Amino acid sequence: MDTLSDDSLLEIFDYCRLDFIIHWHPYWDWHTLVHVCRRWRQLIFASPRRLELHLLCTSRTPVRRTLDCWPSFPLVIN
């Protein structure tokens, strides 16, 4: 994966996002990708608009604990 450029990785992440939204759920699970490696985490966090990152908050989300560990993203309250 180190041989792929950042732009190529973003294209792949964007494709994954679209595929997830179309086939699975309206909010894609980008959280898994940020735990793969530091490079992916930094790249994803640097591209919140392109990847349409949101934090999904439900009645079961521990919001106070959760918000402290993430950068600023739009919230989706469900």
C-alpha atoms as a PDB file:
ATOM      1  CA  MET A   1       0.000   0.000   0.000  1.00  0.00           C
ATOM      2  CA  ASP A   2       2.945   2.340   0.411  1.00  0.00           C
ATOM      3  CA  THR A   3       3.346   2.454  -3.354  1.00  0.00           C
ATOM      4  CA  LEU A   4      -0.076   4.039  -3.907  1.00  0.00           C
ATOM      5  CA  SER A   5      -0.250   7.809  -3.992  1.00  0.00           C
ATOM      6  CA  ASP A   6      -2.536   9.695  -1.626  1.00  0.00           C
ATOM      7  CA  ASP A   7      -4.797  10.572  -4.551  1.00  0.00           C
ATOM      8  CA  SER A   8      -5.101   6.909  -5.504  1.00  0.00           C
ATOM      9  CA  LEU A   9      -5.972   5.944  -1.947  1.00  0.00           C
ATOM     10  CA  LEU A  10      -8.581   8.690  -1.780  1.00  0.00           C
ATOM     11  CA  GLU A  11     -10.118   7.361  -4.991  1.00  0.00           C
ATOM     12  CA  ILE A  12     -10.303   3.895  -3.447  1.00  0.00           C
ATOM     13  CA  PHE A  13     -11.782   5.238  -0.201  1.00  0.00           C
ATOM     14  CA  ASP A  14     -14.326   7.252  -2.163  1.00  0.00           C
ATOM     15  CA  TYR A  15     -15.305   4.169  -4.152  1.00  0.00           C
ATOM     16  CA  CYS A  16     -15.705   2.204  -0.901  1.00  0.00           C
ATOM     17  CA  ARG A  17     -17.865   4.992   0.505  1.00  0.00           C
ATOM     18  CA  LEU A  18     -20.158   5.014  -2.517  1.00  0.00           C
ATOM     19  CA  ASP A  19     -20.406   1.230  -2.591  1.00  0.00           C
ATOM     20  CA  PHE A  20     -21.232   1.095   1.115  1.00  0.00           C
ATOM     21  CA  ILE A  21     -23.924   3.772   0.807  1.00  0.00           C
ATOM     22  CA  ILE A  22     -25.523   2.162  -2.246  1.00  0.00           C
ATOM     23  CA  HIS A  23     -25.552  -1.404  -0.922  1.00  0.00           C
ATOM     24  CA  TRP A  24     -25.554  -1.277   2.859  1.00  0.00           C
ATOM     25  CA  HIS A  25     -26.371   1.849   4.766  1.00  0.00           C
ATOM     26  CA  PRO A  26     -26.766   5.611   4.209  1.00  0.00           C
ATOM     27  CA  TYR A  27     -23.819   6.308   6.554  1.00  0.00           C
ATOM     28  CA  TRP A  28     -20.621   4.527   5.630  1.00  0.00           C
ATOM     29  CA  ASP A  29     -18.342   2.955   8.210  1.00  0.00           C
ATOM     30  CA  TRP A  30     -15.133   4.940   7.720  1.00  0.00           C
ATOM     31  CA  HIS A  31     -14.106   4.293  11.345  1.00  0.00           C
ATOM     32  CA  THR A  32     -12.633   0.939  10.387  1.00  0.00           C
ATOM     33  CA  LEU A  33     -10.294   2.497   7.830  1.00  0.00           C
ATOM     34  CA  VAL A  34      -8.766   4.994  10.260  1.00  0.00           C
ATOM     35  CA  HIS A  35      -7.589   2.088  12.422  1.00  0.00           C
ATOM     36  CA  VAL A  36      -5.609   0.400   9.636  1.00  0.00           C
ATOM     37  CA  CYS A  37      -2.498   2.573   9.807  1.00  0.00           C
ATOM     38  CA  ARG A  38      -1.327   6.102  10.579  1.00  0.00           C
ATOM     39  CA  ARG A  39      -1.142   7.093   6.909  1.00  0.00           C
ATOM     40  CA  TRP A  40      -4.741   6.088   6.235  1.00  0.00           C
ATOM     41  CA  ARG A  41      -5.905   7.834   9.399  1.00  0.00           C
ATOM     42  CA  GLN A  42      -4.151  11.085   8.488  1.00  0.00           C
ATOM     43  CA  LEU A  43      -5.373  10.941   4.888  1.00  0.00           C
ATOM     44  CA  ILE A  44      -8.988  10.288   5.857  1.00  0.00           C
ATOM     45  CA  PHE A  45      -9.007  12.971   8.542  1.00  0.00           C
ATOM     46  CA  ALA A  46      -7.464  15.437   6.071  1.00  0.00           C
ATOM     47  CA  SER A  47     -10.289  14.797   3.573  1.00  0.00           C
ATOM     48  CA  PRO A  48     -13.569  15.008   5.525  1.00  0.00           C
ATOM     49  CA  ARG A  49     -15.511  16.825   2.810  1.00  0.00           C
ATOM     50  CA  ARG A  50     -14.400  14.680  -0.093  1.00  0.00           C
ATOM     51  CA  LEU A  51     -15.194  11.521   1.870  1.00  0.00           C
ATOM     52  CA  GLU A  52     -18.321  13.031   3.440  1.00  0.00           C
ATOM     53  CA  LEU A  53     -17.312  12.086   6.965  1.00  0.00           C
ATOM     54  CA  HIS A  54     -19.998  12.336   9.619  1.00  0.00           C
ATOM     55  CA  LEU A  55     -20.296  11.207  13.196  1.00  0.00           C
ATOM     56  CA  LEU A  56     -23.505   9.267  13.689  1.00  0.00           C
ATOM     57  CA  CYS A  57     -25.050   9.795  17.114  1.00  0.00           C
ATOM     58  CA  THR A  58     -27.937   7.654  18.291  1.00  0.00           C
ATOM     59  CA  SER A  59     -29.606   7.261  21.656  1.00  0.00           C
ATOM     60  CA  ARG A  60     -26.997   4.581  22.411  1.00  0.00           C
ATOM     61  CA  THR A  61     -23.930   6.660  21.484  1.00  0.00           C
ATOM     62  CA  PRO A  62     -21.795   7.761  24.444  1.00  0.00           C
ATOM     63  CA  VAL A  63     -21.515  11.268  22.989  1.00  0.00           C
ATOM     64  CA  ARG A  64     -19.316  12.885  25.634  1.00  0.00           C
ATOM     65  CA  ARG A  65     -16.699  10.150  25.424  1.00  0.00           C
ATOM     66  CA  THR A  66     -16.961   9.775  21.666  1.00  0.00           C
ATOM     67  CA  LEU A  67     -16.633  13.419  20.651  1.00  0.00           C
ATOM     68  CA  ASP A  68     -13.392  13.911  22.561  1.00  0.00           C
ATOM     69  CA  CYS A  69     -11.464  11.448  20.414  1.00  0.00           C
ATOM     70  CA  TRP A  70     -12.542  12.640  16.931  1.00  0.00           C
ATOM     71  CA  PRO A  71     -11.660  15.747  14.920  1.00  0.00           C
ATOM     72  CA  SER A  72     -14.442  18.204  14.105  1.00  0.00           C
ATOM     73  CA  PHE A  73     -16.953  16.591  11.755  1.00  0.00           C
ATOM     74  CA  PRO A  74     -20.632  17.180  11.059  1.00  0.00           C
ATOM     75  CA  LEU A  75     -22.940  15.269  13.396  1.00  0.00           C
ATOM     76  CA  VAL A  76     -25.833  13.139  12.246  1.00  0.00           C
ATOM     77  CA  ILE A  77     -28.319  12.662  15.057  1.00  0.00           C
ATOM     78  CA  ASN A  78     -30.589   9.694  14.624  1.00  0.00           C
END
